[in-house]
C-alpha atoms as a PDB file:
ATOM      1  CA  MET A   1       0.424 -46.166   4.561  1.00  0.00           C
ATOM      2  CA  ILE A   2       3.654 -46.405   2.573  1.00  0.00           C
ATOM      3  CA  ARG A   3       3.843 -49.537   0.482  1.00  0.00           C
ATOM      4  CA  GLU A   4       6.936 -51.275  -0.806  1.00  0.00           C
ATOM      5  CA  THR A   5       5.996 -53.436  -3.750  1.00  0.00           C
ATOM      6  CA  SER A   6       6.912 -57.100  -3.527  1.00  0.00           C
ATOM      7  CA  GLU A   7       3.855 -58.794  -5.058  1.00  0.00           C
ATOM      8  CA  THR A   8       1.538 -57.774  -7.860  1.00  0.00           C
ATOM      9  CA  PRO A   9      -1.747 -56.529  -6.379  1.00  0.00           C
ATOM     10  CA  ALA A  10      -5.016 -58.007  -7.564  1.00  0.00           C
ATOM     11  CA  THR A  11      -6.403 -56.085 -10.513  1.00  0.00           C
ATOM     12  CA  PRO A  12     -10.098 -55.259 -10.485  1.00  0.00           C
ATOM     13  CA  ARG A  13     -12.118 -56.740 -13.330  1.00  0.00           C
ATOM     14  CA  ARG A  14     -12.133 -54.353 -16.280  1.00  0.00           C
ATOM     15  CA  LYS A  15     -15.236 -53.309 -18.149  1.00  0.00           C
ATOM     16  CA  LEU A  16     -14.994 -53.285 -21.913  1.00  0.00           C
ATOM     17  CA  PRO A  17     -15.558 -49.858 -23.511  1.00  0.00           C
ATOM     18  CA  ARG A  18     -18.767 -49.377 -25.460  1.00  0.00           C
ATOM     19  CA  SER A  19     -17.105 -46.962 -27.904  1.00  0.00           C
ATOM     20  CA  PHE A  20     -13.785 -45.296 -28.687  1.00  0.00           C
ATOM     21  CA  LYS A  21     -14.875 -42.289 -26.616  1.00  0.00           C
ATOM     22  CA  ASP A  22     -14.946 -44.480 -23.517  1.00  0.00           C
ATOM     23  CA  LEU A  23     -11.143 -44.782 -23.721  1.00  0.00           C
ATOM     24  CA  THR A  24     -10.845 -41.234 -22.339  1.00  0.00           C
ATOM     25  CA  PRO A  25     -12.407 -40.098 -19.062  1.00  0.00           C
ATOM     26  CA  ALA A  26     -13.940 -36.952 -20.512  1.00  0.00           C
ATOM     27  CA  LYS A  27     -15.131 -38.872 -23.633  1.00  0.00           C
ATOM     28  CA  HIS A  28     -13.687 -36.276 -25.996  1.00  0.00           C
ATOM     29  CA  PHE A  29     -12.828 -38.220 -29.130  1.00  0.00           C
ATOM     30  CA  ASN A  30     -14.471 -39.905 -32.018  1.00  0.00           C
ATOM     31  CA  PRO A  31     -12.053 -42.091 -33.995  1.00  0.00           C
ATOM     32  CA  ARG A  32     -11.990 -39.911 -37.123  1.00  0.00           C
ATOM     33  CA  THR A  33     -11.213 -36.667 -35.260  1.00  0.00           C
ATOM     34  CA  PHE A  34      -8.625 -38.324 -33.042  1.00  0.00           C
ATOM     35  CA  PHE A  35      -6.757 -39.860 -35.940  1.00  0.00           C
ATOM     36  CA  LYS A  36      -6.874 -36.761 -38.135  1.00  0.00           C
ATOM     37  CA  GLU A  37      -5.925 -34.151 -35.542  1.00  0.00           C
ATOM     38  CA  LEU A  38      -3.547 -35.991 -33.234  1.00  0.00           C
ATOM     39  CA  ILE A  39      -2.032 -38.768 -35.355  1.00  0.00           C
ATOM     40  CA  TRP A  40      -2.252 -38.020 -39.080  1.00  0.00           C
ATOM     41  CA  LYS A  41      -1.191 -34.370 -38.836  1.00  0.00           C
ATOM     42  CA  GLY A  42       1.680 -35.343 -36.549  1.00  0.00           C
ATOM     43  CA  TRP A  43       3.041 -37.859 -39.030  1.00  0.00           C
ATOM     44  CA  PHE A  44       3.470 -35.115 -41.615  1.00  0.00           C
ATOM     45  CA  THR A  45       4.841 -32.485 -39.244  1.00  0.00           C
ATOM     46  CA  PRO A  46       8.659 -32.388 -39.299  1.00  0.00           C
ATOM     47  CA  ARG A  47      10.265 -33.159 -35.977  1.00  0.00           C
ATOM     48  CA  HIS A  48      12.312 -30.180 -34.726  1.00  0.00           C
ATOM     49  CA  GLY A  49      14.735 -29.299 -31.954  1.00  0.00           C
ATOM     50  CA  LYS A  50      17.907 -31.108 -31.018  1.00  0.00           C
ATOM     51  CA  PRO A  51      19.423 -32.602 -27.875  1.00  0.00           C
ATOM     52  CA  GLU A  52      21.905 -30.400 -26.079  1.00  0.00           C
ATOM     53  CA  ARG A  53      25.176 -31.658 -24.671  1.00  0.00           C
ATOM     54  CA  PRO A  54      24.453 -30.492 -21.145  1.00  0.00           C
ATOM     55  CA  VAL A  55      26.998 -28.707 -19.039  1.00  0.00           C
ATOM     56  CA  PHE A  56      25.869 -29.632 -15.565  1.00  0.00           C
ATOM     57  CA  PRO A  57      26.846 -26.959 -13.047  1.00  0.00           C
ATOM     58  CA  LYS A  58      28.916 -27.608  -9.960  1.00  0.00           C
ATOM     59  CA  LEU A  59      26.408 -26.917  -7.234  1.00  0.00           C
ATOM     60  CA  LYS A  60      26.908 -25.609  -3.740  1.00  0.00           C
ATOM     61  CA  ARG A  61      24.767 -26.837  -0.902  1.00  0.00           C
ATOM     62  CA  GLY A  62      21.374 -25.157  -1.134  1.00  0.00           C
ATOM     63  CA  GLN A  63      21.503 -24.662  -4.892  1.00  0.00           C
ATOM     64  CA  VAL A  64      19.248 -26.618  -7.227  1.00  0.00           C
ATOM     65  CA  ALA A  65      19.606 -27.075 -10.996  1.00  0.00           C
ATOM     66  CA  ILE A  66      16.545 -27.946 -13.065  1.00  0.00           C
ATOM     67  CA  THR A  67      16.812 -29.293 -16.608  1.00  0.00           C
ATOM     68  CA  TRP A  68      13.667 -29.644 -18.701  1.00  0.00           C
ATOM     69  CA  ILE A  69      14.012 -32.740 -20.877  1.00  0.00           C
ATOM     70  CA  GLY A  70      10.694 -32.096 -22.627  1.00  0.00           C
ATOM     71  CA  HIS A  71       6.976 -32.748 -22.031  1.00  0.00           C
ATOM     72  CA  ALA A  72       6.713 -33.437 -18.258  1.00  0.00           C
ATOM     73  CA  SER A  73      10.254 -34.843 -17.878  1.00  0.00           C
ATOM     74  CA  PHE A  74      12.756 -33.084 -15.640  1.00  0.00           C
ATOM     75  CA  LEU A  75      16.167 -33.675 -14.129  1.00  0.00           C
ATOM     76  CA  ILE A  76      16.433 -32.005 -10.713  1.00  0.00           C
ATOM     77  CA  GLN A  77      19.953 -31.802  -9.251  1.00  0.00           C
ATOM     78  CA  PHE A  78      21.352 -30.880  -5.874  1.00  0.00           C
ATOM     79  CA  SER A  79      24.968 -31.048  -4.778  1.00  0.00           C
ATOM     80  CA  ASP A  80      24.441 -34.633  -3.582  1.00  0.00           C
ATOM     81  CA  LEU A  81      21.180 -35.840  -5.198  1.00  0.00           C
ATOM     82  CA  ASN A  82      19.997 -36.380  -8.778  1.00  0.00           C
ATOM     83  CA  VAL A  83      16.263 -36.838  -9.360  1.00  0.00           C
ATOM     84  CA  LEU A  84      14.320 -37.649 -12.529  1.00  0.00           C
ATOM     85  CA  VAL A  85      10.599 -36.923 -12.756  1.00  0.00           C
ATOM     86  CA  ASP A  86       8.397 -38.664 -15.342  1.00  0.00           C
ATOM     87  CA  PRO A  87      11.302 -39.421 -17.719  1.00  0.00           C
ATOM     88  CA  ASN A  88      10.267 -39.958 -21.333  1.00  0.00           C
ATOM     89  CA  PHE A  89      12.886 -40.059 -24.097  1.00  0.00           C
ATOM     90  CA  ALA A  90      10.625 -41.656 -26.728  1.00  0.00           C
ATOM     91  CA  ASN A  91      10.387 -40.465 -30.328  1.00  0.00           C
ATOM     92  CA  TRP A  92       7.073 -42.313 -30.627  1.00  0.00           C
ATOM     93  CA  LEU A  93       4.238 -43.220 -28.266  1.00  0.00           C
ATOM     94  CA  PHE A  94       2.774 -46.088 -30.251  1.00  0.00           C
ATOM     95  CA  VAL A  95       1.569 -44.232 -33.385  1.00  0.00           C
ATOM     96  CA  MET A  96       1.893 -40.757 -31.850  1.00  0.00           C
ATOM     97  CA  LYS A  97       4.965 -38.888 -33.049  1.00  0.00           C
ATOM     98  CA  ARG A  98       7.156 -36.777 -30.786  1.00  0.00           C
ATOM     99  CA  LEU A  99       7.276 -33.415 -32.558  1.00  0.00           C
ATOM    100  CA  LYS A 100      10.139 -31.874 -30.581  1.00  0.00           C
ATOM    101  CA  ARG A 101      13.227 -33.907 -29.813  1.00  0.00           C
ATOM    102  CA  VAL A 102      14.366 -34.566 -26.256  1.00  0.00           C
ATOM    103  CA  GLY A 103      16.458 -31.854 -24.638  1.00  0.00           C
ATOM    104  CA  LEU A 104      19.292 -34.219 -23.774  1.00  0.00           C
ATOM    105  CA  ARG A 105      20.237 -37.780 -24.593  1.00  0.00           C
ATOM    106  CA  LEU A 106      19.872 -40.672 -22.195  1.00  0.00           C
ATOM    107  CA  ARG A 107      23.596 -41.340 -22.358  1.00  0.00           C
ATOM    108  CA  ASP A 108      24.309 -37.824 -21.101  1.00  0.00           C
ATOM    109  CA  LEU A 109      22.387 -38.263 -17.863  1.00  0.00           C
ATOM    110  CA  PRO A 110      24.340 -38.193 -14.594  1.00  0.00           C
ATOM    111  CA  ARG A 111      23.948 -40.899 -11.958  1.00  0.00           C
ATOM    112  CA  ILE A 112      20.279 -41.057 -10.973  1.00  0.00           C
ATOM    113  CA  ASP A 113      19.462 -41.536  -7.283  1.00  0.00           C
ATOM    114  CA  LEU A 114      15.685 -41.203  -7.358  1.00  0.00           C
ATOM    115  CA  VAL A 115      12.904 -41.422  -9.944  1.00  0.00           C
ATOM    116  CA  LEU A 116       9.476 -39.896  -9.262  1.00  0.00           C
ATOM    117  CA  LEU A 117       6.549 -41.130 -11.372  1.00  0.00           C
ATOM    118  CA  THR A 118       3.330 -39.154 -11.065  1.00  0.00           C
ATOM    119  CA  HIS A 119       0.921 -41.637 -12.708  1.00  0.00           C
ATOM    120  CA  ALA A 120       0.722 -44.580 -15.061  1.00  0.00           C
ATOM    121  CA  HIS A 121      -0.133 -42.867 -18.364  1.00  0.00           C
ATOM    122  CA  PHE A 122       2.215 -43.892 -21.160  1.00  0.00           C
ATOM    123  CA  ASP A 123       3.602 -40.375 -21.685  1.00  0.00           C
ATOM    124  CA  HIS A 124       4.591 -40.142 -17.990  1.00  0.00           C
ATOM    125  CA  PHE A 125       5.380 -43.739 -17.040  1.00  0.00           C
ATOM    126  CA  HIS A 126       7.396 -44.768 -20.105  1.00  0.00           C
ATOM    127  CA  LYS A 127       8.746 -48.266 -19.585  1.00  0.00           C
ATOM    128  CA  PRO A 128      11.315 -48.281 -22.441  1.00  0.00           C
ATOM    129  CA  THR A 129      12.908 -45.141 -21.010  1.00  0.00           C
ATOM    130  CA  LEU A 130      12.898 -46.511 -17.470  1.00  0.00           C
ATOM    131  CA  ARG A 131      14.596 -49.735 -18.604  1.00  0.00           C
ATOM    132  CA  LYS A 132      17.446 -47.726 -20.132  1.00  0.00           C
ATOM    133  CA  LEU A 133      18.138 -45.472 -17.148  1.00  0.00           C
ATOM    134  CA  PRO A 134      21.499 -45.830 -15.388  1.00  0.00           C
ATOM    135  CA  HIS A 135      20.137 -48.178 -12.696  1.00  0.00           C
ATOM    136  CA  PRO A 136      18.266 -45.790 -10.396  1.00  0.00           C
ATOM    137  CA  LYS A 137      18.104 -46.978  -6.803  1.00  0.00           C
ATOM    138  CA  ILE A 138      14.620 -45.864  -5.799  1.00  0.00           C
ATOM    139  CA  GLY A 139      11.359 -45.364  -7.673  1.00  0.00           C
ATOM    140  CA  VAL A 140       8.527 -43.523  -5.914  1.00  0.00           C
ATOM    141  CA  MET A 141       5.058 -43.669  -7.438  1.00  0.00           C
ATOM    142  CA  PRO A 142       1.349 -43.691  -6.552  1.00  0.00           C
ATOM    143  CA  ARG A 143      -0.349 -46.627  -4.887  1.00  0.00           C
ATOM    144  CA  GLY A 144      -1.382 -49.307  -7.338  1.00  0.00           C
ATOM    145  CA  VAL A 145       1.392 -48.502  -9.829  1.00  0.00           C
ATOM    146  CA  GLY A 146       4.260 -50.530  -8.377  1.00  0.00           C
ATOM    147  CA  ASP A 147       3.445 -53.663 -10.366  1.00  0.00           C
ATOM    148  CA  LEU A 148       4.336 -51.754 -13.549  1.00  0.00           C
ATOM    149  CA  ALA A 149       7.831 -51.086 -12.196  1.00  0.00           C
ATOM    150  CA  LYS A 150       8.869 -54.723 -11.971  1.00  0.00           C
ATOM    151  CA  ASN A 151      11.991 -55.641 -13.960  1.00  0.00           C
ATOM    152  CA  LEU A 152      12.765 -51.993 -14.739  1.00  0.00           C
ATOM    153  CA  GLY A 153      16.004 -51.855 -12.736  1.00  0.00           C
ATOM    154  CA  PHE A 154      14.791 -50.334  -9.469  1.00  0.00           C
ATOM    155  CA  SER A 155      16.304 -51.785  -6.333  1.00  0.00           C
ATOM    156  CA  ARG A 156      13.407 -50.340  -4.328  1.00  0.00           C
ATOM    157  CA  VAL A 157       9.869 -49.344  -5.308  1.00  0.00           C
ATOM    158  CA  VAL A 158       7.783 -47.220  -2.944  1.00  0.00           C
ATOM    159  CA  GLU A 159       4.075 -46.546  -3.408  1.00  0.00           C
ATOM    160  CA  LEU A 160       2.432 -43.557  -1.721  1.00  0.00           C
ATOM    161  CA  GLU A 161      -1.078 -42.336  -1.057  1.00  0.00           C
ATOM    162  CA  TRP A 162      -1.910 -38.612  -1.169  1.00  0.00           C
ATOM    163  CA  TRP A 163      -0.134 -36.676   1.594  1.00  0.00           C
ATOM    164  CA  GLU A 164       2.188 -39.539   2.465  1.00  0.00           C
ATOM    165  CA  SER A 165       5.930 -38.846   2.554  1.00  0.00           C
ATOM    166  CA  PHE A 166       9.060 -40.892   2.014  1.00  0.00           C
ATOM    167  CA  GLY A 167      12.649 -39.871   2.541  1.00  0.00           C
ATOM    168  CA  GLN A 168      16.224 -40.824   3.260  1.00  0.00           C
ATOM    169  CA  LYS A 169      18.981 -38.882   4.989  1.00  0.00           C
ATOM    170  CA  ASP A 170      17.927 -35.233   4.605  1.00  0.00           C
ATOM    171  CA  TRP A 171      15.661 -35.433   1.527  1.00  0.00           C
ATOM    172  CA  GLN A 172      11.940 -36.076   1.548  1.00  0.00           C
ATOM    173  CA  VAL A 173       9.231 -36.381  -1.071  1.00  0.00           C
ATOM    174  CA  THR A 174       5.514 -35.936  -0.403  1.00  0.00           C
ATOM    175  CA  PHE A 175       2.842 -37.226  -2.778  1.00  0.00           C
ATOM    176  CA  VAL A 176       0.058 -34.668  -3.213  1.00  0.00           C
ATOM    177  CA  PRO A 177      -3.353 -34.653  -4.921  1.00  0.00           C
ATOM    178  CA  SER A 178      -4.163 -33.640  -8.473  1.00  0.00           C
ATOM    179  CA  LYS A 179      -7.318 -33.574 -10.586  1.00  0.00           C
ATOM    180  CA  HIS A 180      -6.669 -36.189 -13.254  1.00  0.00           C
ATOM    181  CA  TRP A 181      -6.990 -39.979 -13.518  1.00  0.00           C
ATOM    182  CA  GLY A 182      -4.623 -42.915 -13.216  1.00  0.00           C
ATOM    183  CA  ALA A 183      -5.791 -45.789 -15.424  1.00  0.00           C
ATOM    184  CA  ARG A 184      -3.133 -47.042 -17.846  1.00  0.00           C
ATOM    185  CA  THR A 185      -5.329 -49.283 -19.959  1.00  0.00           C
ATOM    186  CA  LEU A 186      -9.043 -50.034 -20.000  1.00  0.00           C
ATOM    187  CA  ARG A 187     -10.500 -48.915 -16.714  1.00  0.00           C
ATOM    188  CA  ASP A 188      -7.763 -50.073 -14.327  1.00  0.00           C
ATOM    189  CA  SER A 189      -8.946 -47.304 -12.066  1.00  0.00           C
ATOM    190  CA  HIS A 190      -7.258 -48.741  -8.981  1.00  0.00           C
ATOM    191  CA  ARG A 191      -4.065 -46.872  -9.922  1.00  0.00           C
ATOM    192  CA  GLY A 192      -3.325 -43.622  -8.124  1.00  0.00           C
ATOM    193  CA  TYR A 193      -2.174 -40.290  -9.561  1.00  0.00           C
ATOM    194  CA  GLY A 194      -0.910 -36.978  -8.253  1.00  0.00           C
ATOM    195  CA  GLY A 195       2.120 -34.716  -7.929  1.00  0.00           C
ATOM    196  CA  PHE A 196       5.228 -34.533  -5.751  1.00  0.00           C
ATOM    197  CA  VAL A 197       6.848 -31.970  -3.487  1.00  0.00           C
ATOM    198  CA  LEU A 198      10.564 -32.674  -3.166  1.00  0.00           C
ATOM    199  CA  GLU A 199      12.339 -31.174  -0.156  1.00  0.00           C
ATOM    200  CA  HIS A 200      16.125 -31.080   0.164  1.00  0.00           C
ATOM    201  CA  GLN A 201      18.751 -28.685   1.480  1.00  0.00           C
ATOM    202  CA  GLY A 202      16.116 -26.135   2.427  1.00  0.00           C
ATOM    203  CA  ARG A 203      14.518 -26.075  -1.044  1.00  0.00           C
ATOM    204  CA  LYS A 204      11.047 -27.244  -2.082  1.00  0.00           C
ATOM    205  CA  ILE A 205      10.202 -28.144  -5.692  1.00  0.00           C
ATOM    206  CA  TYR A 206       6.681 -29.107  -6.745  1.00  0.00           C
ATOM    207  CA  HIS A 207       5.937 -31.169  -9.863  1.00  0.00           C
ATOM    208  CA  ALA A 208       2.192 -31.235 -10.465  1.00  0.00           C
ATOM    209  CA  GLY A 209       2.102 -34.211 -12.838  1.00  0.00           C
ATOM    210  CA  ASP A 210      -1.046 -33.910 -14.956  1.00  0.00           C
ATOM    211  CA  SER A 211      -3.891 -31.938 -13.449  1.00  0.00           C
ATOM    212  CA  ALA A 212      -6.890 -29.793 -14.150  1.00  0.00           C
ATOM    213  CA  TYR A 213      -7.330 -26.720 -11.983  1.00  0.00           C
ATOM    214  CA  PHE A 214      -8.840 -27.516  -8.574  1.00  0.00           C
ATOM    215  CA  ASP A 215      -8.871 -26.138  -5.051  1.00  0.00           C
ATOM    216  CA  GLY A 216      -6.211 -28.641  -4.001  1.00  0.00           C
ATOM    217  CA  PHE A 217      -3.516 -26.200  -5.129  1.00  0.00           C
ATOM    218  CA  THR A 218      -4.480 -23.930  -2.253  1.00  0.00           C
ATOM    219  CA  GLU A 219      -4.153 -26.806   0.214  1.00  0.00           C
ATOM    220  CA  ILE A 220      -0.770 -27.854  -1.198  1.00  0.00           C
ATOM    221  CA  GLY A 221       0.435 -24.283  -0.855  1.00  0.00           C
ATOM    222  CA  LYS A 222      -0.889 -24.035   2.677  1.00  0.00           C
ATOM    223  CA  GLN A 223       0.634 -27.303   3.897  1.00  0.00           C
ATOM    224  CA  LEU A 224       3.935 -27.465   2.019  1.00  0.00           C
ATOM    225  CA  ARG A 225       4.668 -23.977   0.584  1.00  0.00           C
ATOM    226  CA  PRO A 226       6.699 -25.047  -2.460  1.00  0.00           C
ATOM    227  CA  GLU A 227       9.185 -22.496  -3.722  1.00  0.00           C
ATOM    228  CA  ILE A 228       9.449 -23.679  -7.358  1.00  0.00           C
ATOM    229  CA  ALA A 229       6.326 -24.950  -9.141  1.00  0.00           C
ATOM    230  CA  LEU A 230       6.569 -27.076 -12.291  1.00  0.00           C
ATOM    231  CA  LEU A 231       3.069 -26.734 -13.747  1.00  0.00           C
ATOM    232  CA  PRO A 232       1.412 -28.158 -16.900  1.00  0.00           C
ATOM    233  CA  ILE A 233       0.031 -25.631 -19.402  1.00  0.00           C
ATOM    234  CA  GLY A 234      -0.913 -27.730 -22.467  1.00  0.00           C
ATOM    235  CA  ALA A 235      -3.556 -30.195 -23.746  1.00  0.00           C
ATOM    236  CA  TYR A 236      -6.555 -28.013 -22.828  1.00  0.00           C
ATOM    237  CA  HIS A 237      -8.590 -27.637 -26.027  1.00  0.00           C
ATOM    238  CA  PRO A 238     -11.460 -28.388 -26.611  1.00  0.00           C
ATOM    239  CA  GLU A 239     -13.075 -27.233 -23.403  1.00  0.00           C
ATOM    240  CA  SER A 240     -13.884 -30.761 -22.238  1.00  0.00           C
ATOM    241  CA  PHE A 241     -10.129 -31.414 -21.866  1.00  0.00           C
ATOM    242  CA  ARG A 242     -10.055 -28.961 -18.975  1.00  0.00           C
ATOM    243  CA  SER A 243     -11.660 -31.579 -16.769  1.00  0.00           C
ATOM    244  CA  VAL A 244      -8.226 -33.283 -16.639  1.00  0.00           C
ATOM    245  CA  HIS A 245      -5.709 -30.653 -17.863  1.00  0.00           C
ATOM    246  CA  MET A 246      -4.959 -26.965 -17.301  1.00  0.00           C
ATOM    247  CA  GLY A 247      -4.450 -24.199 -19.794  1.00  0.00           C
ATOM    248  CA  PRO A 248      -2.104 -21.260 -19.150  1.00  0.00           C
ATOM    249  CA  VAL A 249      -4.778 -19.115 -17.494  1.00  0.00           C
ATOM    250  CA  GLU A 250      -5.691 -21.842 -14.989  1.00  0.00           C
ATOM    251  CA  ALA A 251      -2.008 -22.620 -14.409  1.00  0.00           C
ATOM    252  CA  VAL A 252      -1.329 -19.003 -13.449  1.00  0.00           C
ATOM    253  CA  GLN A 253      -4.170 -19.187 -10.922  1.00  0.00           C
ATOM    254  CA  ALA A 254      -2.745 -22.461  -9.587  1.00  0.00           C
ATOM    255  CA  PHE A 255       0.635 -20.769  -9.166  1.00  0.00           C
ATOM    256  CA  LYS A 256      -0.981 -17.978  -7.170  1.00  0.00           C
ATOM    257  CA  ASP A 257      -2.881 -20.493  -5.037  1.00  0.00           C
ATOM    258  CA  LEU A 258       0.368 -22.333  -4.287  1.00  0.00           C
ATOM    259  CA  ARG A 259       2.036 -19.065  -3.218  1.00  0.00           C
ATOM    260  CA  ALA A 260       5.220 -20.251  -4.912  1.00  0.00           C
ATOM    261  CA  LYS A 261       8.025 -17.958  -6.054  1.00  0.00           C
ATOM    262  CA  VAL A 262       9.031 -19.474  -9.407  1.00  0.00           C
ATOM    263  CA  PHE A 263       6.744 -20.817 -12.150  1.00  0.00           C
ATOM    264  CA  VAL A 264       8.312 -23.286 -14.610  1.00  0.00           C
ATOM    265  CA  PRO A 265       5.828 -24.430 -17.303  1.00  0.00           C
ATOM    266  CA  MET A 266       5.763 -27.941 -18.772  1.00  0.00           C
ATOM    267  CA  HIS A 267       3.554 -30.389 -20.703  1.00  0.00           C
ATOM    268  CA  TYR A 268       3.463 -28.499 -23.982  1.00  0.00           C
ATOM    269  CA  GLY A 269       5.248 -28.426 -27.333  1.00  0.00           C
ATOM    270  CA  THR A 270       6.360 -32.089 -27.410  1.00  0.00           C
ATOM    271  CA  PHE A 271       3.450 -34.381 -28.287  1.00  0.00           C
ATOM    272  CA  LYS A 272       0.235 -33.190 -29.899  1.00  0.00           C
ATOM    273  CA  LEU A 273      -2.240 -34.383 -27.283  1.00  0.00           C
ATOM    274  CA  SER A 274      -5.047 -31.908 -27.984  1.00  0.00           C
ATOM    275  CA  PHE A 275      -6.344 -29.415 -30.537  1.00  0.00           C
ATOM    276  CA  GLU A 276      -4.716 -26.086 -29.611  1.00  0.00           C
ATOM    277  CA  ALA A 277      -1.771 -24.919 -31.733  1.00  0.00           C
ATOM    278  CA  MET A 278       1.549 -26.254 -30.471  1.00  0.00           C
ATOM    279  CA  ASP A 279       2.956 -22.744 -29.927  1.00  0.00           C
ATOM    280  CA  GLU A 280      -0.144 -21.360 -28.213  1.00  0.00           C
ATOM    281  CA  PRO A 281       0.442 -22.422 -24.565  1.00  0.00           C
ATOM    282  CA  PRO A 282       3.724 -20.521 -23.917  1.00  0.00           C
ATOM    283  CA  ARG A 283       2.480 -17.466 -25.851  1.00  0.00           C
ATOM    284  CA  LEU A 284      -0.745 -17.331 -23.860  1.00  0.00           C
ATOM    285  CA  LEU A 285       1.186 -17.965 -20.650  1.00  0.00           C
ATOM    286  CA  ARG A 286       3.464 -14.967 -21.258  1.00  0.00           C
ATOM    287  CA  GLU A 287       0.454 -12.762 -21.989  1.00  0.00           C
ATOM    288  CA  THR A 288      -1.403 -13.907 -18.871  1.00  0.00           C
ATOM    289  CA  ALA A 289       1.653 -13.505 -16.625  1.00  0.00           C
ATOM    290  CA  ALA A 290       2.207  -9.975 -17.965  1.00  0.00           C
ATOM    291  CA  GLN A 291      -1.427  -9.025 -17.371  1.00  0.00           C
ATOM    292  CA  GLN A 292      -1.197 -10.224 -13.773  1.00  0.00           C
ATOM    293  CA  LYS A 293       2.260  -8.699 -13.188  1.00  0.00           C
ATOM    294  CA  LEU A 294       3.888 -12.094 -12.636  1.00  0.00           C
ATOM    295  CA  THR A 295       6.444 -11.997 -15.455  1.00  0.00           C
ATOM    296  CA  LYS A 296       9.383 -11.831 -13.045  1.00  0.00           C
ATOM    297  CA  HIS A 297       8.238 -15.136 -11.513  1.00  0.00           C
ATOM    298  CA  LEU A 298       7.957 -16.955 -14.855  1.00  0.00           C
ATOM    299  CA  LYS A 299      10.933 -19.056 -16.017  1.00  0.00           C
ATOM    300  CA  ILE A 300      10.375 -20.740 -19.379  1.00  0.00           C
ATOM    301  CA  LEU A 301      13.197 -23.246 -19.775  1.00  0.00           C
ATOM    302  CA  ASP A 302      14.923 -24.380 -22.942  1.00  0.00           C
ATOM    303  CA  GLU A 303      15.025 -28.164 -23.204  1.00  0.00           C
ATOM    304  CA  GLY A 304      18.388 -29.617 -22.244  1.00  0.00           C
ATOM    305  CA  VAL A 305      19.777 -26.470 -20.628  1.00  0.00           C
ATOM    306  CA  PRO A 306      20.245 -26.653 -16.815  1.00  0.00           C
ATOM    307  CA  LYS A 307      18.985 -23.632 -14.899  1.00  0.00           C
ATOM    308  CA  VAL A 308      20.350 -22.958 -11.415  1.00  0.00           C
ATOM    309  CA  PHE A 309      17.969 -21.582  -8.798  1.00  0.00           C
END
């Protein structure tokens, strides 16, 4: 059932973690390794890239422009609708340094009609960014996340369960499953998580949020047949990370399961969230796509540069 948030839901009692490893669902980290590999090295890595001054195209009905902002953040534009997904313009996530600058500046955004938030993790649901947006009308997010959206400027907050849809006029968004987790802090596991399929003007764009590979991609493809798939390809090493994230090889299989036409990769090259080299995911993705004769379907976007499909 679709929920419109008006009151803060009761939060289940949280269990205190027994160790640092308990802060992650796959229990990957010990404090020394985490700090050395993901924090300390990032501090001494120069930040690179620069925001572009975007030239947003004049779109005809049925055209869609997609701008990768960085990480999992996208601006999706139609002739009459502007949508942000998981916007994050932060240079820092607490002590974690952003290693590649955002693709465009907040002040260069167009009017935003709709914001889609896939789950409550700080790199996807970034409150400081959301507070600074140009007063979006509607925020759509998983069940149990709406309380986090209070006082962020939304005039309407809609919570969805998996396979529920919400729409206005001739656009519709459907919340679909993923293989991840939704807790924002210590064990607030009541919060949902997933991806979205946005339908408008005869086009269907799928944003997977965060996800490991699972058979749900086949079901999403069967039920909704997305045309353009925005799929995560980073944060997969060591092997235990693959319980909640995909690498390029798994992402290619997910793309095939979805039976989509265009593969746009995301969730790499911005924050160091795992132990693979920062430049490995797109390189391995190109190699895998070439081996499986899918290169013509692969569209690797430059941050801040709109691409019309």
